[in-house]
Amino acid sequence: MKIEDTSLPGVRIITPARFGDERGYFSETWNRRRMADAGLDLDWVQDNESLSRPIGTLRGLHYQAPPHAQDKLVRVIAGVILDVAVDARQGSPTFGRSVAVELSAENGRQLLVPKGFLHGLVTRAPDTVVAYKCSDYYDKASDGAVHFASAALGIDWGIASQGAVMSDKDAAAPDWDDWTSPFSYEAAQ
């Protein structure tokens, strides 16, 4: 298993080893003991899966506010996404900065998105299936979003904002400049 740091502390790219032969491959996508040995001692309580049929399907930028903030481990089962994490911890030296990583069924990469970060993705292939683990249960009252095309964030999603296929909730999400983060850098330390 390969673990890479990104430009945002705590956001990591995890690439599990694959063992292949003429039948295909086998990959251990999570091993609690090995990850704890690598400093990633996380307790997953919920697994989610989404299917996005059209290319350009945008999901995010989502978060769960404290006390139900979530760490997420995102991977692609079929297709390709651009996966994005944004530091939303007030007081953080990287507040408002983002990391974008291509995850695909072919490359087997996973993105670890810690608590205090917004998460979003856009599909780059039809019929993309995304699976992700969460460290806390979904709580409707804690659910929130920031608009993906907020100019202050400067994220290059690779699509025009008017071309994105998204939910009404995501389309109506507040702009970064009009949003107050519920996350604190000091609380995360």
N, C-alpha and C. Protein backbone atom coordinates (compact mmCIF):
# COMPACT_ATOMS: atom_id res chain seq x y z
N MET A 1 0.84 -1.17 0.00
CA MET A 1 0.00 0.00 0.00
C MET A 1 0.89 1.24 0.00
N LYS A 2 0.58 2.16 -0.88
CA LYS A 2 1.34 3.40 -0.99
C LYS A 2 0.49 4.54 -0.42
N ILE A 3 1.07 5.35 0.47
CA ILE A 3 0.38 6.50 1.06
C ILE A 3 1.18 7.74 0.72
N GLU A 4 0.51 8.70 0.04
CA GLU A 4 1.17 9.94 -0.38
C GLU A 4 0.51 11.13 0.29
N ASP A 5 1.32 12.05 0.79
CA ASP A 5 0.81 13.31 1.30
C ASP A 5 0.47 14.21 0.11
N THR A 6 -0.44 15.14 0.32
CA THR A 6 -0.78 16.14 -0.69
C THR A 6 -0.35 17.51 -0.15
N SER A 7 -0.65 18.55 -0.87
CA SER A 7 -0.30 19.90 -0.42
C SER A 7 -1.16 20.36 0.75
N LEU A 8 -2.22 19.61 1.08
CA LEU A 8 -3.05 19.93 2.24
C LEU A 8 -2.77 18.90 3.33
N PRO A 9 -2.23 19.33 4.45
CA PRO A 9 -1.93 18.38 5.53
C PRO A 9 -3.16 17.58 5.94
N GLY A 10 -2.97 16.26 6.00
CA GLY A 10 -4.06 15.36 6.39
C GLY A 10 -4.78 14.75 5.21
N VAL A 11 -4.80 15.42 4.06
CA VAL A 11 -5.42 14.86 2.86
C VAL A 11 -4.36 13.98 2.20
N ARG A 12 -4.69 12.70 2.03
CA ARG A 12 -3.70 11.76 1.52
C ARG A 12 -4.27 10.94 0.37
N ILE A 13 -3.37 10.54 -0.51
CA ILE A 13 -3.70 9.62 -1.59
C ILE A 13 -3.21 8.25 -1.16
N ILE A 14 -4.12 7.30 -1.15
CA ILE A 14 -3.80 5.93 -0.75
C ILE A 14 -4.00 5.03 -1.96
N THR A 15 -2.96 4.32 -2.33
CA THR A 15 -3.05 3.41 -3.47
C THR A 15 -2.75 2.00 -2.99
N PRO A 16 -3.79 1.18 -2.84
CA PRO A 16 -3.58 -0.20 -2.41
C PRO A 16 -2.86 -1.01 -3.50
N ALA A 17 -2.11 -1.99 -3.06
CA ALA A 17 -1.46 -2.91 -4.00
C ALA A 17 -2.52 -3.76 -4.69
N ARG A 18 -2.24 -4.08 -5.94
CA ARG A 18 -3.11 -4.99 -6.70
C ARG A 18 -2.30 -6.21 -7.11
N PHE A 19 -2.91 -7.36 -6.98
CA PHE A 19 -2.28 -8.62 -7.36
C PHE A 19 -3.11 -9.21 -8.48
N GLY A 20 -2.53 -9.24 -9.68
CA GLY A 20 -3.31 -9.64 -10.85
C GLY A 20 -2.78 -10.88 -11.54
N ASP A 21 -3.69 -11.48 -12.29
CA ASP A 21 -3.37 -12.59 -13.18
C ASP A 21 -4.37 -12.55 -14.33
N GLU A 22 -4.47 -13.65 -15.08
CA GLU A 22 -5.36 -13.66 -16.24
C GLU A 22 -6.83 -13.47 -15.88
N ARG A 23 -7.20 -13.69 -14.63
CA ARG A 23 -8.60 -13.53 -14.20
C ARG A 23 -8.95 -12.07 -13.90
N GLY A 24 -7.94 -11.26 -13.59
CA GLY A 24 -8.17 -9.88 -13.17
C GLY A 24 -7.21 -9.53 -12.04
N TYR A 25 -7.73 -8.97 -10.95
CA TYR A 25 -6.85 -8.62 -9.84
C TYR A 25 -7.59 -8.76 -8.51
N PHE A 26 -6.80 -8.75 -7.43
CA PHE A 26 -7.31 -8.68 -6.06
C PHE A 26 -6.60 -7.50 -5.40
N SER A 27 -7.37 -6.73 -4.60
CA SER A 27 -6.80 -5.60 -3.89
C SER A 27 -7.46 -5.47 -2.52
N GLU A 28 -6.66 -5.33 -1.51
CA GLU A 28 -7.16 -5.07 -0.16
C GLU A 28 -7.27 -3.55 -0.03
N THR A 29 -8.50 -3.02 -0.06
CA THR A 29 -8.69 -1.57 -0.10
C THR A 29 -8.60 -0.92 1.27
N TRP A 30 -8.75 -1.67 2.33
CA TRP A 30 -8.60 -1.13 3.68
C TRP A 30 -8.22 -2.25 4.63
N ASN A 31 -7.22 -1.99 5.46
CA ASN A 31 -6.82 -2.92 6.50
C ASN A 31 -6.55 -2.07 7.73
N ARG A 32 -7.40 -2.17 8.72
CA ARG A 32 -7.32 -1.30 9.90
C ARG A 32 -5.94 -1.38 10.57
N ARG A 33 -5.42 -2.57 10.74
CA ARG A 33 -4.13 -2.74 11.42
C ARG A 33 -3.00 -2.07 10.64
N ARG A 34 -2.95 -2.32 9.32
CA ARG A 34 -1.88 -1.72 8.50
C ARG A 34 -2.00 -0.20 8.47
N MET A 35 -3.22 0.29 8.40
CA MET A 35 -3.41 1.73 8.36
C MET A 35 -3.06 2.37 9.71
N ALA A 36 -3.43 1.73 10.80
CA ALA A 36 -3.07 2.25 12.12
C ALA A 36 -1.55 2.30 12.26
N ASP A 37 -0.86 1.27 11.75
CA ASP A 37 0.61 1.26 11.78
C ASP A 37 1.18 2.43 10.98
N ALA A 38 0.44 2.88 9.97
CA ALA A 38 0.87 4.01 9.14
C ALA A 38 0.37 5.35 9.69
N GLY A 39 -0.24 5.32 10.87
CA GLY A 39 -0.71 6.56 11.50
C GLY A 39 -2.13 6.95 11.14
N LEU A 40 -2.86 6.08 10.48
CA LEU A 40 -4.24 6.37 10.08
C LEU A 40 -5.18 5.45 10.85
N ASP A 41 -5.41 5.78 12.11
CA ASP A 41 -6.25 4.97 12.98
C ASP A 41 -7.67 5.51 12.94
N LEU A 42 -8.43 5.08 11.95
CA LEU A 42 -9.79 5.58 11.73
C LEU A 42 -10.81 4.48 11.95
N ASP A 43 -11.94 4.87 12.48
CA ASP A 43 -13.02 3.92 12.74
C ASP A 43 -14.17 4.22 11.78
N TRP A 44 -14.30 3.42 10.74
CA TRP A 44 -15.34 3.64 9.75
C TRP A 44 -16.66 3.07 10.26
N VAL A 45 -17.74 3.84 10.12
CA VAL A 45 -19.05 3.39 10.61
C VAL A 45 -20.11 3.30 9.52
N GLN A 46 -19.80 3.83 8.33
CA GLN A 46 -20.79 3.86 7.26
C GLN A 46 -20.09 3.80 5.91
N ASP A 47 -20.59 2.97 5.01
CA ASP A 47 -20.11 2.91 3.63
C ASP A 47 -21.21 3.43 2.72
N ASN A 48 -20.84 4.29 1.76
CA ASN A 48 -21.79 4.85 0.81
C ASN A 48 -21.33 4.54 -0.61
N GLU A 49 -22.29 4.50 -1.53
CA GLU A 49 -21.99 4.26 -2.93
C GLU A 49 -22.92 5.11 -3.77
N SER A 50 -22.38 5.73 -4.83
CA SER A 50 -23.21 6.51 -5.75
C SER A 50 -22.91 6.11 -7.18
N LEU A 51 -23.95 6.15 -8.00
CA LEU A 51 -23.83 5.95 -9.44
C LEU A 51 -24.17 7.27 -10.10
N SER A 52 -23.29 7.74 -10.96
CA SER A 52 -23.52 8.96 -11.72
C SER A 52 -23.48 8.59 -13.19
N ARG A 53 -24.62 8.66 -13.85
CA ARG A 53 -24.71 8.21 -15.24
C ARG A 53 -24.00 9.15 -16.23
N PRO A 54 -24.33 10.47 -16.26
CA PRO A 54 -23.68 11.30 -17.29
C PRO A 54 -22.30 11.81 -16.89
N ILE A 55 -21.44 11.99 -17.88
CA ILE A 55 -20.18 12.71 -17.67
C ILE A 55 -20.54 14.13 -17.23
N GLY A 56 -19.77 14.69 -16.31
CA GLY A 56 -20.03 16.05 -15.83
C GLY A 56 -20.99 16.11 -14.66
N THR A 57 -21.29 14.95 -14.06
CA THR A 57 -22.11 14.95 -12.84
C THR A 57 -21.25 15.50 -11.71
N LEU A 58 -21.78 16.52 -11.04
CA LEU A 58 -21.06 17.20 -9.97
C LEU A 58 -21.76 16.90 -8.66
N ARG A 59 -21.01 16.45 -7.67
CA ARG A 59 -21.53 16.21 -6.32
C ARG A 59 -20.63 16.99 -5.36
N GLY A 60 -21.22 17.96 -4.67
CA GLY A 60 -20.43 18.73 -3.70
C GLY A 60 -20.48 20.21 -3.99
N LEU A 61 -19.80 20.89 -3.20
CA LEU A 61 -18.85 20.55 -2.14
C LEU A 61 -19.61 20.29 -0.84
N HIS A 62 -19.54 19.09 -0.31
CA HIS A 62 -20.34 18.68 0.84
C HIS A 62 -19.52 18.62 2.12
N TYR A 63 -20.25 18.68 3.24
CA TYR A 63 -19.64 18.48 4.56
C TYR A 63 -20.71 18.08 5.55
N GLN A 64 -20.27 17.53 6.66
CA GLN A 64 -21.09 17.28 7.83
C GLN A 64 -20.47 18.11 8.95
N ALA A 65 -21.24 19.03 9.52
CA ALA A 65 -20.75 19.92 10.57
C ALA A 65 -20.58 19.16 11.89
N PRO A 66 -19.69 19.66 12.75
CA PRO A 66 -19.58 19.08 14.09
C PRO A 66 -20.93 19.18 14.80
N PRO A 67 -21.29 18.23 15.63
CA PRO A 67 -20.47 17.15 16.16
C PRO A 67 -20.50 15.89 15.29
N HIS A 68 -20.99 15.97 14.06
CA HIS A 68 -21.07 14.80 13.18
C HIS A 68 -20.13 14.92 11.99
N ALA A 69 -19.03 15.66 12.16
CA ALA A 69 -18.04 15.79 11.09
C ALA A 69 -17.52 14.40 10.72
N GLN A 70 -17.17 14.26 9.44
CA GLN A 70 -16.77 12.95 8.93
C GLN A 70 -15.40 12.99 8.25
N ASP A 71 -14.59 11.98 8.53
CA ASP A 71 -13.47 11.64 7.67
C ASP A 71 -14.08 10.79 6.56
N LYS A 72 -13.54 10.90 5.35
CA LYS A 72 -14.02 10.08 4.24
C LYS A 72 -12.84 9.44 3.52
N LEU A 73 -13.04 8.23 3.06
CA LEU A 73 -12.07 7.55 2.20
C LEU A 73 -12.81 7.19 0.92
N VAL A 74 -12.44 7.86 -0.17
CA VAL A 74 -13.18 7.81 -1.43
C VAL A 74 -12.42 6.99 -2.46
N ARG A 75 -13.15 6.13 -3.19
CA ARG A 75 -12.55 5.37 -4.28
C ARG A 75 -13.57 5.17 -5.38
N VAL A 76 -13.09 4.83 -6.56
CA VAL A 76 -13.95 4.63 -7.72
C VAL A 76 -13.98 3.15 -8.06
N ILE A 77 -15.18 2.61 -8.20
CA ILE A 77 -15.36 1.21 -8.56
C ILE A 77 -15.46 1.05 -10.07
N ALA A 78 -16.10 2.01 -10.73
CA ALA A 78 -16.21 2.01 -12.20
C ALA A 78 -16.17 3.46 -12.66
N GLY A 79 -15.39 3.74 -13.71
CA GLY A 79 -15.34 5.08 -14.26
C GLY A 79 -14.17 5.90 -13.74
N VAL A 80 -14.34 7.24 -13.81
CA VAL A 80 -13.29 8.19 -13.46
C VAL A 80 -13.92 9.43 -12.85
N ILE A 81 -13.28 9.98 -11.81
CA ILE A 81 -13.70 11.26 -11.23
C ILE A 81 -12.50 12.16 -11.00
N LEU A 82 -12.77 13.44 -10.92
CA LEU A 82 -11.85 14.39 -10.33
C LEU A 82 -12.38 14.59 -8.92
N ASP A 83 -11.61 14.20 -7.92
CA ASP A 83 -12.04 14.28 -6.53
C ASP A 83 -11.35 15.48 -5.88
N VAL A 84 -12.12 16.28 -5.14
CA VAL A 84 -11.63 17.55 -4.61
C VAL A 84 -11.86 17.64 -3.11
N ALA A 85 -10.83 18.11 -2.39
CA ALA A 85 -10.93 18.41 -0.96
C ALA A 85 -10.54 19.87 -0.77
N VAL A 86 -11.30 20.60 0.07
CA VAL A 86 -11.04 22.01 0.35
C VAL A 86 -10.89 22.17 1.86
N ASP A 87 -9.82 22.79 2.30
CA ASP A 87 -9.61 23.05 3.72
C ASP A 87 -10.60 24.12 4.18
N ALA A 88 -11.51 23.74 5.08
CA ALA A 88 -12.54 24.66 5.57
C ALA A 88 -12.36 24.95 7.06
N ARG A 89 -11.18 24.68 7.60
CA ARG A 89 -10.90 24.89 9.02
C ARG A 89 -10.45 26.33 9.23
N GLN A 90 -11.31 27.12 9.85
CA GLN A 90 -10.96 28.52 10.12
C GLN A 90 -9.69 28.57 10.96
N GLY A 91 -8.75 29.43 10.57
CA GLY A 91 -7.48 29.56 11.27
C GLY A 91 -6.38 28.68 10.71
N SER A 92 -6.72 27.79 9.78
CA SER A 92 -5.72 26.92 9.18
C SER A 92 -4.83 27.70 8.23
N PRO A 93 -3.53 27.39 8.18
CA PRO A 93 -2.65 28.05 7.22
C PRO A 93 -3.03 27.76 5.77
N THR A 94 -3.81 26.69 5.54
CA THR A 94 -4.23 26.35 4.17
C THR A 94 -5.73 26.55 3.98
N PHE A 95 -6.35 27.36 4.82
CA PHE A 95 -7.80 27.63 4.73
C PHE A 95 -8.16 28.11 3.33
N GLY A 96 -9.16 27.46 2.72
CA GLY A 96 -9.64 27.84 1.40
C GLY A 96 -8.87 27.24 0.25
N ARG A 97 -7.79 26.53 0.54
CA ARG A 97 -7.02 25.89 -0.53
C ARG A 97 -7.60 24.51 -0.82
N SER A 98 -7.37 24.04 -2.04
CA SER A 98 -7.93 22.76 -2.45
C SER A 98 -6.87 21.85 -3.06
N VAL A 99 -7.23 20.58 -3.10
CA VAL A 99 -6.45 19.55 -3.77
C VAL A 99 -7.42 18.81 -4.68
N ALA A 100 -7.00 18.53 -5.91
CA ALA A 100 -7.82 17.77 -6.85
C ALA A 100 -7.00 16.58 -7.34
N VAL A 101 -7.61 15.39 -7.27
CA VAL A 101 -6.91 14.16 -7.63
C VAL A 101 -7.83 13.33 -8.52
N GLU A 102 -7.28 12.79 -9.61
CA GLU A 102 -8.07 11.90 -10.44
C GLU A 102 -8.06 10.50 -9.83
N LEU A 103 -9.26 10.01 -9.58
CA LEU A 103 -9.44 8.64 -9.09
C LEU A 103 -10.18 7.88 -10.17
N SER A 104 -9.75 6.63 -10.39
CA SER A 104 -10.43 5.83 -11.40
C SER A 104 -10.42 4.36 -10.98
N ALA A 105 -11.28 3.60 -11.61
CA ALA A 105 -11.27 2.16 -11.38
C ALA A 105 -9.92 1.58 -11.83
N GLU A 106 -9.35 2.17 -12.86
CA GLU A 106 -8.09 1.67 -13.39
C GLU A 106 -6.91 1.97 -12.48
N ASN A 107 -6.81 3.21 -11.95
CA ASN A 107 -5.62 3.54 -11.16
C ASN A 107 -5.74 3.09 -9.69
N GLY A 108 -6.93 2.77 -9.23
CA GLY A 108 -7.12 2.23 -7.88
C GLY A 108 -6.81 3.18 -6.74
N ARG A 109 -6.56 4.44 -7.04
CA ARG A 109 -6.24 5.41 -5.99
C ARG A 109 -7.47 5.72 -5.14
N GLN A 110 -7.20 6.08 -3.89
CA GLN A 110 -8.25 6.51 -2.97
C GLN A 110 -7.82 7.86 -2.39
N LEU A 111 -8.79 8.69 -2.03
CA LEU A 111 -8.48 9.97 -1.40
C LEU A 111 -9.04 9.98 0.00
N LEU A 112 -8.17 10.25 0.98
CA LEU A 112 -8.58 10.40 2.36
C LEU A 112 -8.86 11.88 2.61
N VAL A 113 -10.12 12.19 2.93
CA VAL A 113 -10.55 13.56 3.18
C VAL A 113 -10.89 13.67 4.67
N PRO A 114 -10.07 14.38 5.45
CA PRO A 114 -10.30 14.44 6.89
C PRO A 114 -11.46 15.37 7.27
N LYS A 115 -11.88 15.25 8.51
CA LYS A 115 -12.86 16.18 9.08
C LYS A 115 -12.35 17.60 8.89
N GLY A 116 -13.28 18.52 8.66
CA GLY A 116 -12.89 19.92 8.49
C GLY A 116 -12.61 20.31 7.05
N PHE A 117 -12.77 19.36 6.13
CA PHE A 117 -12.57 19.62 4.72
C PHE A 117 -13.87 19.43 3.97
N LEU A 118 -14.12 20.28 2.98
CA LEU A 118 -15.24 20.08 2.07
C LEU A 118 -14.83 19.01 1.07
N HIS A 119 -15.83 18.30 0.55
CA HIS A 119 -15.53 17.25 -0.43
C HIS A 119 -16.47 17.35 -1.61
N GLY A 120 -15.92 17.21 -2.81
CA GLY A 120 -16.73 17.21 -4.01
C GLY A 120 -16.07 16.41 -5.11
N LEU A 121 -16.85 16.09 -6.12
CA LEU A 121 -16.32 15.33 -7.24
C LEU A 121 -17.09 15.66 -8.50
N VAL A 122 -16.44 15.44 -9.64
CA VAL A 122 -17.09 15.55 -10.93
C VAL A 122 -16.69 14.32 -11.73
N THR A 123 -17.68 13.73 -12.43
CA THR A 123 -17.39 12.52 -13.20
C THR A 123 -16.76 12.87 -14.54
N ARG A 124 -15.84 12.01 -14.96
CA ARG A 124 -15.15 12.18 -16.24
C ARG A 124 -15.43 11.02 -17.18
N ALA A 125 -16.31 10.12 -16.76
CA ALA A 125 -16.70 8.97 -17.58
C ALA A 125 -18.16 8.66 -17.27
N PRO A 126 -18.88 8.10 -18.24
CA PRO A 126 -20.28 7.74 -17.96
C PRO A 126 -20.35 6.56 -16.99
N ASP A 127 -21.50 6.46 -16.32
CA ASP A 127 -21.78 5.34 -15.41
C ASP A 127 -20.66 5.12 -14.39
N THR A 128 -20.27 6.20 -13.75
CA THR A 128 -19.21 6.15 -12.74
C THR A 128 -19.80 5.77 -11.39
N VAL A 129 -19.17 4.79 -10.74
CA VAL A 129 -19.60 4.34 -9.42
C VAL A 129 -18.52 4.71 -8.41
N VAL A 130 -18.92 5.47 -7.38
CA VAL A 130 -18.01 5.92 -6.34
C VAL A 130 -18.43 5.28 -5.03
N ALA A 131 -17.47 4.80 -4.27
CA ALA A 131 -17.73 4.24 -2.94
C ALA A 131 -16.88 5.00 -1.94
N TYR A 132 -17.44 5.27 -0.77
CA TYR A 132 -16.63 5.93 0.25
C TYR A 132 -17.08 5.54 1.65
N LYS A 133 -16.07 5.46 2.51
CA LYS A 133 -16.27 5.15 3.91
C LYS A 133 -16.37 6.46 4.68
N CYS A 134 -17.15 6.46 5.77
CA CYS A 134 -17.31 7.64 6.62
C CYS A 134 -17.06 7.26 8.08
N SER A 135 -16.47 8.19 8.82
CA SER A 135 -16.14 7.93 10.22
C SER A 135 -17.25 8.33 11.18
N ASP A 136 -18.34 8.91 10.67
CA ASP A 136 -19.51 9.21 11.50
C ASP A 136 -20.74 8.99 10.63
N TYR A 137 -21.86 8.79 11.29
CA TYR A 137 -23.10 8.55 10.58
C TYR A 137 -23.63 9.84 9.96
N TYR A 138 -24.35 9.71 8.86
CA TYR A 138 -25.01 10.85 8.25
C TYR A 138 -26.01 11.44 9.23
N ASP A 139 -26.00 12.76 9.35
CA ASP A 139 -26.94 13.47 10.22
C ASP A 139 -27.52 14.63 9.40
N LYS A 140 -28.81 14.57 9.12
CA LYS A 140 -29.45 15.55 8.24
C LYS A 140 -29.25 16.98 8.73
N ALA A 141 -29.34 17.20 10.05
CA ALA A 141 -29.19 18.55 10.60
C ALA A 141 -27.76 19.08 10.45
N SER A 142 -26.78 18.20 10.27
CA SER A 142 -25.38 18.59 10.13
C SER A 142 -24.93 18.70 8.68
N ASP A 143 -25.81 18.33 7.76
CA ASP A 143 -25.49 18.28 6.35
C ASP A 143 -25.39 19.69 5.77
N GLY A 144 -24.36 19.94 4.95
CA GLY A 144 -24.21 21.24 4.33
C GLY A 144 -23.43 21.16 3.04
N ALA A 145 -23.43 22.28 2.32
CA ALA A 145 -22.71 22.35 1.05
C ALA A 145 -22.28 23.78 0.77
N VAL A 146 -21.23 23.90 -0.02
CA VAL A 146 -20.74 25.18 -0.54
C VAL A 146 -20.73 25.03 -2.05
N HIS A 147 -21.08 26.10 -2.77
CA HIS A 147 -21.17 26.02 -4.22
C HIS A 147 -19.81 25.68 -4.84
N PHE A 148 -19.82 24.70 -5.72
CA PHE A 148 -18.58 24.19 -6.31
C PHE A 148 -17.84 25.24 -7.14
N ALA A 149 -18.57 26.19 -7.73
CA ALA A 149 -17.95 27.16 -8.62
C ALA A 149 -17.64 28.49 -7.92
N SER A 150 -17.53 28.48 -6.61
CA SER A 150 -17.19 29.71 -5.88
C SER A 150 -15.86 30.25 -6.40
N ALA A 151 -15.88 31.49 -6.91
CA ALA A 151 -14.69 32.08 -7.53
C ALA A 151 -13.52 32.16 -6.57
N ALA A 152 -13.78 32.42 -5.30
CA ALA A 152 -12.70 32.55 -4.32
C ALA A 152 -11.90 31.26 -4.16
N LEU A 153 -12.51 30.12 -4.46
CA LEU A 153 -11.81 28.84 -4.32
C LEU A 153 -10.93 28.54 -5.53
N GLY A 154 -11.31 29.04 -6.70
CA GLY A 154 -10.50 28.88 -7.90
C GLY A 154 -10.25 27.44 -8.32
N ILE A 155 -11.22 26.57 -8.12
CA ILE A 155 -11.04 25.16 -8.47
C ILE A 155 -11.33 24.97 -9.96
N ASP A 156 -10.40 24.31 -10.65
CA ASP A 156 -10.61 23.97 -12.06
C ASP A 156 -11.22 22.57 -12.12
N TRP A 157 -12.52 22.52 -12.32
CA TRP A 157 -13.25 21.25 -12.36
C TRP A 157 -13.16 20.59 -13.74
N GLY A 158 -12.67 21.31 -14.71
CA GLY A 158 -12.57 20.75 -16.05
C GLY A 158 -13.87 20.79 -16.82
N ILE A 159 -14.88 21.48 -16.28
CA ILE A 159 -16.17 21.65 -16.96
C ILE A 159 -16.65 23.08 -16.72
N ALA A 160 -17.51 23.55 -17.61
CA ALA A 160 -18.14 24.85 -17.40
C ALA A 160 -19.22 24.69 -16.34
N SER A 161 -19.36 25.67 -15.46
CA SER A 161 -20.33 25.54 -14.36
C SER A 161 -21.74 25.31 -14.87
N GLN A 162 -22.09 25.93 -16.00
CA GLN A 162 -23.44 25.75 -16.54
C GLN A 162 -23.63 24.36 -17.17
N GLY A 163 -22.52 23.65 -17.40
CA GLY A 163 -22.60 22.31 -17.98
C GLY A 163 -22.66 21.20 -16.94
N ALA A 164 -22.53 21.55 -15.67
CA ALA A 164 -22.53 20.54 -14.61
C ALA A 164 -23.93 19.97 -14.40
N VAL A 165 -24.00 18.67 -14.20
CA VAL A 165 -25.25 17.99 -13.87
C VAL A 165 -25.23 17.81 -12.35
N MET A 166 -26.18 18.48 -11.66
CA MET A 166 -26.13 18.43 -10.20
C MET A 166 -27.52 18.49 -9.59
N SER A 167 -27.58 18.22 -8.31
CA SER A 167 -28.84 18.28 -7.57
C SER A 167 -29.25 19.73 -7.36
N ASP A 168 -30.53 19.92 -7.07
CA ASP A 168 -31.02 21.26 -6.73
C ASP A 168 -30.30 21.79 -5.50
N LYS A 169 -30.03 20.91 -4.54
CA LYS A 169 -29.34 21.30 -3.31
C LYS A 169 -27.95 21.86 -3.63
N ASP A 170 -27.21 21.18 -4.49
CA ASP A 170 -25.87 21.65 -4.82
C ASP A 170 -25.91 22.93 -5.64
N ALA A 171 -26.89 23.05 -6.52
CA ALA A 171 -27.02 24.27 -7.33
C ALA A 171 -27.35 25.48 -6.46
N ALA A 172 -28.07 25.27 -5.36
CA ALA A 172 -28.49 26.37 -4.48
C ALA A 172 -27.52 26.60 -3.32
N ALA A 173 -26.43 25.84 -3.26
CA ALA A 173 -25.48 25.97 -2.15
C ALA A 173 -24.90 27.39 -2.12
N PRO A 174 -24.59 27.89 -0.93
CA PRO A 174 -24.03 29.25 -0.84
C PRO A 174 -22.62 29.33 -1.41
N ASP A 175 -22.26 30.51 -1.86
CA ASP A 175 -20.91 30.79 -2.31
C ASP A 175 -19.97 30.77 -1.10
N TRP A 176 -18.73 30.40 -1.32
CA TRP A 176 -17.72 30.36 -0.26
C TRP A 176 -17.70 31.69 0.51
N ASP A 177 -17.75 32.82 -0.21
CA ASP A 177 -17.66 34.14 0.43
C ASP A 177 -18.89 34.47 1.28
N ASP A 178 -20.00 33.77 1.09
CA ASP A 178 -21.23 34.01 1.83
C ASP A 178 -21.48 32.95 2.91
N TRP A 179 -20.51 32.11 3.15
CA TRP A 179 -20.65 30.96 4.03
C TRP A 179 -19.72 31.10 5.23
N THR A 180 -20.18 30.69 6.39
CA THR A 180 -19.34 30.68 7.59
C THR A 180 -19.04 29.23 7.94
N SER A 181 -17.78 28.90 7.98
CA SER A 181 -17.38 27.53 8.26
C SER A 181 -17.64 27.16 9.72
N PRO A 182 -18.16 25.95 9.95
CA PRO A 182 -18.35 25.47 11.32
C PRO A 182 -17.09 24.78 11.87
N PHE A 183 -16.01 24.75 11.07
CA PHE A 183 -14.81 24.02 11.45
C PHE A 183 -13.73 24.97 11.94
N SER A 184 -12.97 24.51 12.91
CA SER A 184 -11.88 25.29 13.50
C SER A 184 -10.58 24.50 13.40
N TYR A 185 -9.53 25.17 12.97
CA TYR A 185 -8.22 24.54 12.90
C TYR A 185 -7.73 24.13 14.29
N GLU A 186 -7.93 25.00 15.27
CA GLU A 186 -7.50 24.71 16.63
C GLU A 186 -8.21 23.48 17.20
N ALA A 187 -9.50 23.33 16.91
CA ALA A 187 -10.25 22.18 17.40
C ALA A 187 -9.76 20.89 16.77
N ALA A 188 -9.21 20.98 15.57
CA ALA A 188 -8.76 19.78 14.85
C ALA A 188 -7.38 19.33 15.32
N GLN A 189 -6.67 20.18 16.04
CA GLN A 189 -5.29 19.85 16.48
C GLN A 189 -5.28 19.01 17.73
